[in-house]
Protein backbone atom coordinates (compact mmCIF):
# COMPACT_ATOMS: atom_id res chain seq x y z
CA UNK A 1 11.88 13.27 22.07
CA UNK A 2 11.52 10.44 19.63
CA UNK A 3 12.95 7.74 17.43
CA UNK A 4 13.28 8.12 13.67
CA UNK A 5 13.72 5.12 11.39
CA UNK A 6 14.44 5.55 7.69
CA UNK A 7 14.71 2.74 5.16
CA UNK A 8 15.59 3.29 1.52
CA UNK A 9 16.47 1.25 -1.53
CA UNK A 10 19.15 1.99 -4.10
CA UNK A 11 20.54 -0.23 -6.85
CA UNK A 12 19.04 -3.39 -5.36
CA UNK A 13 20.30 -2.76 -1.83
CA UNK A 14 18.46 -1.59 1.26
CA UNK A 15 19.78 0.99 3.71
CA UNK A 16 18.42 1.61 7.18
CA UNK A 17 19.15 4.42 9.61
CA UNK A 18 17.93 4.85 13.19
CA UNK A 19 18.16 8.09 15.12
CA UNK A 20 17.23 8.72 18.75
CA UNK A 21 16.95 11.89 20.77
CA UNK A 22 19.61 12.03 23.50
CA UNK A 23 17.11 11.44 26.32
CA UNK A 24 16.10 8.07 24.83
CA UNK A 25 19.67 6.75 24.68
CA UNK A 26 19.26 5.75 28.32
CA UNK A 27 16.51 3.32 27.28
CA UNK A 28 17.40 2.39 23.67
CA UNK A 29 20.58 1.93 21.61
CA UNK A 30 20.46 2.97 17.95
CA UNK A 31 23.18 0.43 17.05
CA UNK A 32 21.18 -2.42 18.58
CA UNK A 33 17.99 -1.30 16.83
CA UNK A 34 19.66 -0.92 13.43
CA UNK A 35 21.20 -4.40 13.74
CA UNK A 36 17.72 -5.85 14.38
CA UNK A 37 16.41 -4.18 11.21
CA UNK A 38 19.47 -5.20 9.19
CA UNK A 39 19.03 -8.85 10.14
CA UNK A 40 15.42 -8.80 8.90
CA UNK A 41 16.59 -7.14 5.68
CA UNK A 42 19.21 -9.80 5.01
CA UNK A 43 22.19 -7.86 6.35
CA UNK A 44 24.59 -8.84 9.06
CA UNK A 45 25.54 -5.79 11.01
CA UNK A 46 25.57 -2.06 11.26
CA UNK A 47 27.22 0.56 13.33
CA UNK A 48 27.27 4.06 14.63
CA UNK A 49 26.67 5.70 17.98
CA UNK A 50 24.06 5.23 20.67
CA UNK A 51 21.96 8.03 19.16
CA UNK A 52 22.45 7.33 15.42
CA UNK A 53 23.35 4.20 13.47
CA UNK A 54 23.23 2.83 9.92
CA UNK A 55 23.16 -0.61 8.34
CA UNK A 56 22.22 -2.34 5.13
CA UNK A 57 20.65 -5.40 3.70
CA UNK A 58 19.65 -6.91 0.39
CA UNK A 59 16.02 -8.01 0.78
CA UNK A 60 13.73 -5.10 -0.13
CA UNK A 61 10.70 -7.38 0.17
CA UNK A 62 11.22 -7.38 3.95
CA UNK A 63 10.99 -3.61 4.53
CA UNK A 64 7.53 -3.72 6.10
CA UNK A 65 8.62 -6.61 8.31
CA UNK A 66 11.68 -4.62 9.43
CA UNK A 67 9.47 -1.67 10.43
CA UNK A 68 7.12 -3.99 12.32
CA UNK A 69 9.99 -5.74 14.09
CA UNK A 70 11.46 -2.41 15.20
CA UNK A 71 8.05 -1.17 16.32
CA UNK A 72 7.57 -4.31 18.41
CA UNK A 73 11.04 -3.91 19.97
CA UNK A 74 10.42 -0.25 20.82
CA UNK A 75 6.90 -0.72 22.19
């Protein structure tokens, strides 16, 4: 079981994806987590399912902060 967070940059934009194993969807929501990361990255939303979601942003200088914010939310 686990949570996977991936953040990438392409052509000046930032993409974030969050995936959860099915057993963790009772405790966490991938859509909620990806929206938290997107907000830090200068985005305004995101979407998907409870076990996998994607979002974007525009501030690549905030990638480390997005990881830290998600880590704090998960811990």
